[in-house]
Amino acid sequence: MLRRHVSTGYTHLPQTVKHAEKYLGEVCHLLGSYTRKTAKLRDKADLLVAQLFDLSGTEDREVQLGLKNLAEDLAMVQDYRQAQVERLETRVVAPLKAYGDIIKNKRADVKKFSSDLSRELKELQTLEKIRLRNPADRQSIVSFTHSADS
């Protein structure tokens, strides 16, 4: 009876750790991918800005002014995109990566708890067998409990 109660409560722990590892890993991967794609978009736009400045040097005065203004405005947008990439890396992706270590530690804790639990259940079964064989032999029961404690 004790075994069923303890083991049913325990089964949720490994599942919780497994789900957290799976879904947080996926979220971290997707956010990292989003950050990298945003950075690539920023890099492409920087190339476009440079190309617009180069093109403006070959055009007449009026077109040159329009291209330079467009390139400057696009460069300002890319400055905001750079800030977005930095914020994503520092405020979102980095804290999520820290959960990886936390989950590894929790998995190790659950494994240790599982081995301790199974060891204690085996000891309880052995003690119960001793009690069933000879309920009046308190000395062997007490000696087993003392040997199990040490």
N, C-alpha and C. Protein backbone atom coordinates (compact mmCIF):
# COMPACT_ATOMS: atom_id res chain seq x y z
N MET A 1 0.83 -1.19 0.00
CA MET A 1 0.00 0.00 0.00
C MET A 1 0.88 1.25 0.00
N LEU A 2 1.89 1.29 0.84
CA LEU A 2 2.80 2.43 0.88
C LEU A 2 3.53 2.58 -0.44
N ARG A 3 3.89 1.48 -1.03
CA ARG A 3 4.64 1.50 -2.29
C ARG A 3 3.82 2.15 -3.39
N ARG A 4 2.55 1.77 -3.52
CA ARG A 4 1.71 2.35 -4.56
C ARG A 4 1.54 3.85 -4.37
N HIS A 5 1.37 4.29 -3.15
CA HIS A 5 1.18 5.71 -2.86
C HIS A 5 2.44 6.51 -3.21
N VAL A 6 3.59 6.01 -2.80
CA VAL A 6 4.85 6.71 -3.06
C VAL A 6 5.19 6.69 -4.54
N SER A 7 5.02 5.53 -5.19
CA SER A 7 5.42 5.43 -6.59
C SER A 7 4.51 6.24 -7.49
N THR A 8 3.22 6.38 -7.19
CA THR A 8 2.35 7.19 -8.04
C THR A 8 2.67 8.67 -7.90
N GLY A 9 3.05 9.10 -6.72
CA GLY A 9 3.44 10.50 -6.54
C GLY A 9 4.77 10.80 -7.20
N TYR A 10 5.62 9.80 -7.28
CA TYR A 10 6.95 9.99 -7.84
C TYR A 10 6.94 10.05 -9.36
N THR A 11 6.00 9.39 -10.02
CA THR A 11 6.03 9.29 -11.48
C THR A 11 5.89 10.65 -12.15
N HIS A 12 5.35 11.63 -11.47
CA HIS A 12 5.20 12.95 -12.07
C HIS A 12 6.51 13.71 -12.14
N LEU A 13 7.44 13.42 -11.26
CA LEU A 13 8.70 14.16 -11.24
C LEU A 13 9.53 13.96 -12.52
N PRO A 14 9.82 12.74 -12.94
CA PRO A 14 10.60 12.59 -14.17
C PRO A 14 9.89 13.14 -15.39
N GLN A 15 8.56 12.99 -15.43
CA GLN A 15 7.80 13.52 -16.56
C GLN A 15 7.88 15.04 -16.61
N THR A 16 7.80 15.68 -15.47
CA THR A 16 7.88 17.14 -15.40
C THR A 16 9.24 17.62 -15.88
N VAL A 17 10.29 16.96 -15.43
CA VAL A 17 11.64 17.34 -15.86
C VAL A 17 11.81 17.10 -17.36
N LYS A 18 11.28 15.98 -17.84
CA LYS A 18 11.39 15.65 -19.26
C LYS A 18 10.65 16.68 -20.12
N HIS A 19 9.45 17.04 -19.71
CA HIS A 19 8.68 18.02 -20.47
C HIS A 19 9.36 19.39 -20.45
N ALA A 20 9.85 19.78 -19.29
CA ALA A 20 10.54 21.07 -19.19
C ALA A 20 11.76 21.08 -20.09
N GLU A 21 12.51 20.00 -20.08
CA GLU A 21 13.71 19.92 -20.92
C GLU A 21 13.34 20.00 -22.40
N LYS A 22 12.30 19.28 -22.78
CA LYS A 22 11.90 19.25 -24.19
C LYS A 22 11.40 20.62 -24.65
N TYR A 23 10.43 21.17 -23.94
CA TYR A 23 9.79 22.39 -24.41
C TYR A 23 10.66 23.63 -24.23
N LEU A 24 11.38 23.71 -23.13
CA LEU A 24 12.28 24.86 -22.98
C LEU A 24 13.42 24.79 -23.99
N GLY A 25 13.86 23.59 -24.31
CA GLY A 25 14.88 23.43 -25.35
C GLY A 25 14.38 23.90 -26.70
N GLU A 26 13.14 23.53 -27.03
CA GLU A 26 12.55 23.96 -28.30
C GLU A 26 12.38 25.47 -28.35
N VAL A 27 11.89 26.05 -27.26
CA VAL A 27 11.69 27.50 -27.21
C VAL A 27 13.03 28.22 -27.34
N CYS A 28 14.04 27.73 -26.64
CA CYS A 28 15.37 28.34 -26.71
C CYS A 28 15.92 28.24 -28.12
N HIS A 29 15.73 27.09 -28.76
CA HIS A 29 16.22 26.90 -30.13
C HIS A 29 15.51 27.86 -31.09
N LEU A 30 14.20 27.97 -30.96
CA LEU A 30 13.44 28.86 -31.84
C LEU A 30 13.80 30.32 -31.62
N LEU A 31 13.94 30.73 -30.37
CA LEU A 31 14.33 32.12 -30.11
C LEU A 31 15.73 32.41 -30.60
N GLY A 32 16.64 31.46 -30.48
CA GLY A 32 17.98 31.63 -31.02
C GLY A 32 17.96 31.76 -32.52
N SER A 33 17.13 30.94 -33.16
CA SER A 33 16.98 31.01 -34.61
C SER A 33 16.39 32.36 -35.03
N TYR A 34 15.38 32.82 -34.31
CA TYR A 34 14.77 34.12 -34.59
C TYR A 34 15.81 35.24 -34.45
N THR A 35 16.62 35.17 -33.41
CA THR A 35 17.65 36.18 -33.19
C THR A 35 18.68 36.17 -34.31
N ARG A 36 19.10 34.98 -34.72
CA ARG A 36 20.08 34.89 -35.82
C ARG A 36 19.51 35.42 -37.12
N LYS A 37 18.25 35.11 -37.40
CA LYS A 37 17.62 35.60 -38.63
C LYS A 37 17.45 37.11 -38.61
N THR A 38 17.13 37.64 -37.45
CA THR A 38 17.02 39.09 -37.32
C THR A 38 18.39 39.74 -37.55
N ALA A 39 19.44 39.13 -37.03
CA ALA A 39 20.80 39.65 -37.24
C ALA A 39 21.19 39.56 -38.71
N LYS A 40 20.80 38.48 -39.38
CA LYS A 40 21.10 38.36 -40.82
C LYS A 40 20.35 39.43 -41.61
N LEU A 41 19.11 39.69 -41.24
CA LEU A 41 18.33 40.73 -41.90
C LEU A 41 19.00 42.09 -41.70
N ARG A 42 19.49 42.33 -40.50
CA ARG A 42 20.21 43.57 -40.21
C ARG A 42 21.45 43.69 -41.10
N ASP A 43 22.19 42.60 -41.23
CA ASP A 43 23.40 42.60 -42.06
C ASP A 43 23.07 42.88 -43.52
N LYS A 44 22.00 42.26 -44.02
CA LYS A 44 21.60 42.49 -45.43
C LYS A 44 21.18 43.94 -45.63
N ALA A 45 20.48 44.49 -44.67
CA ALA A 45 20.06 45.89 -44.79
C ALA A 45 21.27 46.82 -44.72
N ASP A 46 22.28 46.47 -43.92
CA ASP A 46 23.51 47.26 -43.90
C ASP A 46 24.20 47.25 -45.26
N LEU A 47 24.18 46.10 -45.92
CA LEU A 47 24.73 46.02 -47.28
C LEU A 47 23.92 46.89 -48.24
N LEU A 48 22.62 46.88 -48.06
CA LEU A 48 21.76 47.71 -48.91
C LEU A 48 22.05 49.19 -48.69
N VAL A 49 22.27 49.59 -47.44
CA VAL A 49 22.61 50.98 -47.13
C VAL A 49 23.91 51.37 -47.82
N ALA A 50 24.90 50.50 -47.73
CA ALA A 50 26.19 50.78 -48.39
C ALA A 50 26.02 50.89 -49.90
N GLN A 51 25.21 50.00 -50.46
CA GLN A 51 24.96 50.05 -51.91
C GLN A 51 24.23 51.33 -52.30
N LEU A 52 23.29 51.78 -51.49
CA LEU A 52 22.57 53.03 -51.77
C LEU A 52 23.52 54.23 -51.72
N PHE A 53 24.44 54.23 -50.75
CA PHE A 53 25.42 55.32 -50.69
C PHE A 53 26.32 55.30 -51.92
N ASP A 54 26.75 54.12 -52.34
CA ASP A 54 27.59 54.02 -53.55
C ASP A 54 26.82 54.50 -54.78
N LEU A 55 25.58 54.10 -54.89
CA LEU A 55 24.76 54.50 -56.03
C LEU A 55 24.50 56.00 -56.03
N SER A 56 24.35 56.58 -54.87
CA SER A 56 24.06 58.02 -54.81
C SER A 56 25.24 58.84 -55.32
N GLY A 57 26.43 58.30 -55.25
CA GLY A 57 27.60 59.03 -55.76
C GLY A 57 27.65 59.12 -57.27
N THR A 58 26.90 58.27 -57.96
CA THR A 58 26.93 58.27 -59.43
C THR A 58 25.75 59.00 -60.03
N GLU A 59 24.81 59.46 -59.23
CA GLU A 59 23.59 60.10 -59.74
C GLU A 59 23.70 61.63 -59.66
N ASP A 60 22.72 62.29 -60.31
CA ASP A 60 22.70 63.75 -60.25
C ASP A 60 22.27 64.23 -58.87
N ARG A 61 22.31 65.50 -58.65
CA ARG A 61 22.13 66.11 -57.34
C ARG A 61 20.82 65.74 -56.65
N GLU A 62 19.73 65.81 -57.37
CA GLU A 62 18.41 65.56 -56.78
C GLU A 62 18.25 64.09 -56.40
N VAL A 63 18.62 63.17 -57.26
CA VAL A 63 18.53 61.74 -56.97
C VAL A 63 19.53 61.37 -55.88
N GLN A 64 20.69 62.00 -55.92
CA GLN A 64 21.72 61.75 -54.91
C GLN A 64 21.20 62.09 -53.52
N LEU A 65 20.54 63.22 -53.38
CA LEU A 65 19.99 63.63 -52.09
C LEU A 65 18.91 62.64 -51.62
N GLY A 66 18.04 62.21 -52.52
CA GLY A 66 16.99 61.25 -52.18
C GLY A 66 17.56 59.90 -51.75
N LEU A 67 18.58 59.42 -52.46
CA LEU A 67 19.20 58.14 -52.11
C LEU A 67 19.93 58.20 -50.77
N LYS A 68 20.59 59.32 -50.52
CA LYS A 68 21.29 59.48 -49.24
C LYS A 68 20.29 59.52 -48.08
N ASN A 69 19.19 60.23 -48.27
CA ASN A 69 18.16 60.28 -47.22
C ASN A 69 17.56 58.89 -46.97
N LEU A 70 17.31 58.16 -48.04
CA LEU A 70 16.79 56.80 -47.91
C LEU A 70 17.80 55.91 -47.18
N ALA A 71 19.06 56.02 -47.54
CA ALA A 71 20.10 55.21 -46.91
C ALA A 71 20.24 55.56 -45.43
N GLU A 72 20.16 56.83 -45.08
CA GLU A 72 20.27 57.24 -43.68
C GLU A 72 19.06 56.74 -42.86
N ASP A 73 17.87 56.85 -43.45
CA ASP A 73 16.68 56.36 -42.75
C ASP A 73 16.74 54.84 -42.55
N LEU A 74 17.19 54.15 -43.58
CA LEU A 74 17.33 52.70 -43.47
C LEU A 74 18.40 52.33 -42.44
N ALA A 75 19.45 53.12 -42.36
CA ALA A 75 20.51 52.88 -41.37
C ALA A 75 19.97 53.08 -39.95
N MET A 76 19.09 54.07 -39.77
CA MET A 76 18.49 54.27 -38.45
C MET A 76 17.60 53.08 -38.06
N VAL A 77 16.86 52.55 -39.03
CA VAL A 77 16.04 51.37 -38.76
C VAL A 77 16.94 50.21 -38.35
N GLN A 78 18.09 50.07 -38.99
CA GLN A 78 19.01 48.99 -38.66
C GLN A 78 19.63 49.17 -37.28
N ASP A 79 19.78 50.40 -36.85
CA ASP A 79 20.26 50.65 -35.48
C ASP A 79 19.25 50.09 -34.47
N TYR A 80 17.97 50.30 -34.75
CA TYR A 80 16.94 49.74 -33.88
C TYR A 80 16.95 48.21 -33.94
N ARG A 81 17.18 47.67 -35.11
CA ARG A 81 17.25 46.22 -35.25
C ARG A 81 18.45 45.67 -34.48
N GLN A 82 19.57 46.39 -34.50
CA GLN A 82 20.75 45.98 -33.72
C GLN A 82 20.42 45.95 -32.23
N ALA A 83 19.72 46.97 -31.77
CA ALA A 83 19.31 47.00 -30.35
C ALA A 83 18.37 45.82 -30.05
N GLN A 84 17.50 45.49 -30.99
CA GLN A 84 16.59 44.36 -30.80
C GLN A 84 17.38 43.06 -30.67
N VAL A 85 18.37 42.87 -31.54
CA VAL A 85 19.18 41.65 -31.49
C VAL A 85 19.91 41.56 -30.16
N GLU A 86 20.51 42.65 -29.72
CA GLU A 86 21.25 42.64 -28.45
C GLU A 86 20.33 42.33 -27.27
N ARG A 87 19.14 42.93 -27.28
CA ARG A 87 18.19 42.68 -26.19
C ARG A 87 17.71 41.24 -26.20
N LEU A 88 17.44 40.72 -27.39
CA LEU A 88 17.02 39.32 -27.46
C LEU A 88 18.09 38.39 -26.91
N GLU A 89 19.35 38.65 -27.27
CA GLU A 89 20.43 37.79 -26.80
C GLU A 89 20.62 37.88 -25.29
N THR A 90 20.59 39.10 -24.75
CA THR A 90 20.89 39.27 -23.33
C THR A 90 19.70 39.02 -22.41
N ARG A 91 18.51 39.40 -22.85
CA ARG A 91 17.36 39.34 -21.94
C ARG A 91 16.47 38.12 -22.15
N VAL A 92 16.60 37.44 -23.28
CA VAL A 92 15.70 36.32 -23.54
C VAL A 92 16.48 35.02 -23.71
N VAL A 93 17.40 34.99 -24.66
CA VAL A 93 18.08 33.74 -24.98
C VAL A 93 19.02 33.32 -23.84
N ALA A 94 19.81 34.23 -23.32
CA ALA A 94 20.76 33.88 -22.26
C ALA A 94 20.06 33.34 -21.00
N PRO A 95 18.99 33.99 -20.50
CA PRO A 95 18.31 33.40 -19.34
C PRO A 95 17.70 32.02 -19.62
N LEU A 96 17.20 31.82 -20.84
CA LEU A 96 16.65 30.50 -21.17
C LEU A 96 17.73 29.44 -21.22
N LYS A 97 18.92 29.81 -21.66
CA LYS A 97 20.02 28.85 -21.68
C LYS A 97 20.39 28.42 -20.26
N ALA A 98 20.23 29.33 -19.32
CA ALA A 98 20.55 29.00 -17.92
C ALA A 98 19.64 27.90 -17.40
N TYR A 99 18.42 27.80 -17.93
CA TYR A 99 17.52 26.74 -17.49
C TYR A 99 18.03 25.36 -17.89
N GLY A 100 18.88 25.28 -18.90
CA GLY A 100 19.45 23.99 -19.29
C GLY A 100 20.23 23.38 -18.15
N ASP A 101 21.06 24.18 -17.49
CA ASP A 101 21.84 23.68 -16.34
C ASP A 101 20.93 23.33 -15.18
N ILE A 102 19.91 24.13 -14.97
CA ILE A 102 18.98 23.87 -13.87
C ILE A 102 18.27 22.53 -14.10
N ILE A 103 17.86 22.29 -15.35
CA ILE A 103 17.15 21.04 -15.66
C ILE A 103 18.08 19.85 -15.49
N LYS A 104 19.35 20.00 -15.89
CA LYS A 104 20.31 18.90 -15.71
C LYS A 104 20.47 18.57 -14.22
N ASN A 105 20.55 19.61 -13.39
CA ASN A 105 20.67 19.38 -11.95
C ASN A 105 19.42 18.71 -11.40
N LYS A 106 18.26 19.13 -11.87
CA LYS A 106 17.00 18.53 -11.39
C LYS A 106 16.90 17.08 -11.83
N ARG A 107 17.36 16.78 -13.05
CA ARG A 107 17.33 15.41 -13.52
C ARG A 107 18.22 14.53 -12.65
N ALA A 108 19.39 15.06 -12.27
CA ALA A 108 20.28 14.31 -11.39
C ALA A 108 19.64 14.12 -10.01
N ASP A 109 18.95 15.15 -9.51
CA ASP A 109 18.26 15.03 -8.22
C ASP A 109 17.16 13.97 -8.27
N VAL A 110 16.42 13.97 -9.38
CA VAL A 110 15.34 12.98 -9.52
C VAL A 110 15.92 11.58 -9.60
N LYS A 111 17.03 11.42 -10.30
CA LYS A 111 17.67 10.10 -10.41
C LYS A 111 18.14 9.62 -9.04
N LYS A 112 18.75 10.53 -8.28
CA LYS A 112 19.21 10.18 -6.93
C LYS A 112 18.01 9.83 -6.04
N PHE A 113 16.96 10.62 -6.14
CA PHE A 113 15.75 10.35 -5.36
C PHE A 113 15.17 8.99 -5.73
N SER A 114 15.17 8.68 -7.02
CA SER A 114 14.64 7.40 -7.49
C SER A 114 15.42 6.23 -6.92
N SER A 115 16.75 6.33 -6.94
CA SER A 115 17.56 5.24 -6.40
C SER A 115 17.38 5.12 -4.89
N ASP A 116 17.30 6.25 -4.19
CA ASP A 116 17.06 6.21 -2.74
C ASP A 116 15.70 5.60 -2.43
N LEU A 117 14.71 5.98 -3.22
CA LEU A 117 13.36 5.47 -3.01
C LEU A 117 13.31 3.96 -3.23
N SER A 118 13.92 3.49 -4.30
CA SER A 118 13.88 2.04 -4.57
C SER A 118 14.64 1.27 -3.49
N ARG A 119 15.77 1.84 -3.02
CA ARG A 119 16.53 1.18 -1.96
C ARG A 119 15.69 1.09 -0.69
N GLU A 120 15.02 2.17 -0.32
CA GLU A 120 14.19 2.15 0.89
C GLU A 120 12.99 1.22 0.74
N LEU A 121 12.42 1.15 -0.45
CA LEU A 121 11.29 0.23 -0.65
C LEU A 121 11.74 -1.22 -0.52
N LYS A 122 12.94 -1.52 -1.02
CA LYS A 122 13.48 -2.88 -0.86
C LYS A 122 13.70 -3.20 0.61
N GLU A 123 14.21 -2.23 1.36
CA GLU A 123 14.42 -2.45 2.79
C GLU A 123 13.09 -2.68 3.50
N LEU A 124 12.06 -1.93 3.12
CA LEU A 124 10.74 -2.12 3.72
C LEU A 124 10.17 -3.49 3.38
N GLN A 125 10.38 -3.94 2.16
CA GLN A 125 9.91 -5.27 1.77
C GLN A 125 10.62 -6.36 2.57
N THR A 126 11.94 -6.19 2.73
CA THR A 126 12.71 -7.17 3.51
C THR A 126 12.24 -7.19 4.95
N LEU A 127 12.02 -6.03 5.52
CA LEU A 127 11.52 -5.95 6.89
C LEU A 127 10.15 -6.58 7.02
N GLU A 128 9.30 -6.36 6.05
CA GLU A 128 7.96 -6.95 6.08
C GLU A 128 8.04 -8.48 5.98
N LYS A 129 8.99 -8.98 5.17
CA LYS A 129 9.18 -10.45 5.08
C LYS A 129 9.61 -11.02 6.42
N ILE A 130 10.53 -10.32 7.09
CA ILE A 130 10.99 -10.78 8.42
C ILE A 130 9.82 -10.79 9.39
N ARG A 131 8.99 -9.75 9.35
CA ARG A 131 7.84 -9.70 10.25
C ARG A 131 6.85 -10.81 9.96
N LEU A 132 6.64 -11.12 8.69
CA LEU A 132 5.68 -12.17 8.33
C LEU A 132 6.19 -13.55 8.72
N ARG A 133 7.50 -13.77 8.59
CA ARG A 133 8.07 -15.08 8.93
C ARG A 133 7.95 -15.37 10.42
N ASN A 134 8.32 -14.39 11.24
CA ASN A 134 8.30 -14.61 12.68
C ASN A 134 7.94 -13.29 13.37
N PRO A 135 6.67 -13.04 13.56
CA PRO A 135 6.27 -11.76 14.16
C PRO A 135 6.72 -11.59 15.60
N ALA A 136 6.99 -12.66 16.30
CA ALA A 136 7.38 -12.55 17.70
C ALA A 136 8.87 -12.29 17.88
N ASP A 137 9.65 -12.43 16.83
CA ASP A 137 11.11 -12.27 16.92
C ASP A 137 11.46 -10.79 16.75
N ARG A 138 11.28 -10.03 17.80
CA ARG A 138 11.54 -8.59 17.75
C ARG A 138 13.04 -8.28 17.63
N GLN A 139 13.86 -9.17 18.12
CA GLN A 139 15.30 -8.92 18.09
C GLN A 139 15.82 -8.87 16.65
N SER A 140 15.40 -9.78 15.80
CA SER A 140 15.86 -9.76 14.41
C SER A 140 15.29 -8.56 13.65
N ILE A 141 14.07 -8.15 14.00
CA ILE A 141 13.46 -6.98 13.37
C ILE A 141 14.23 -5.72 13.75
N VAL A 142 14.54 -5.59 15.04
CA VAL A 142 15.28 -4.42 15.52
C VAL A 142 16.68 -4.41 14.96
N SER A 143 17.33 -5.58 14.90
CA SER A 143 18.69 -5.62 14.36
C SER A 143 18.70 -5.28 12.88
N PHE A 144 17.65 -5.67 12.14
CA PHE A 144 17.58 -5.31 10.72
C PHE A 144 17.39 -3.81 10.55
N THR A 145 16.53 -3.21 11.38
CA THR A 145 16.32 -1.77 11.24
C THR A 145 17.56 -1.00 11.60
N HIS A 146 18.34 -1.47 12.58
CA HIS A 146 19.59 -0.80 12.91
C HIS A 146 20.63 -0.98 11.84
N SER A 147 20.70 -2.14 11.23
CA SER A 147 21.68 -2.36 10.14
C SER A 147 21.27 -1.59 8.90
N ALA A 148 19.99 -1.40 8.67
CA ALA A 148 19.53 -0.64 7.53
C ALA A 148 19.81 0.85 7.70
N ASP A 149 19.77 1.34 8.93
CA ASP A 149 20.04 2.76 9.19
C ASP A 149 21.51 3.12 8.99
N SER A 150 22.39 2.19 9.25
CA SER A 150 23.82 2.53 9.17
C SER A 150 24.41 2.24 7.82
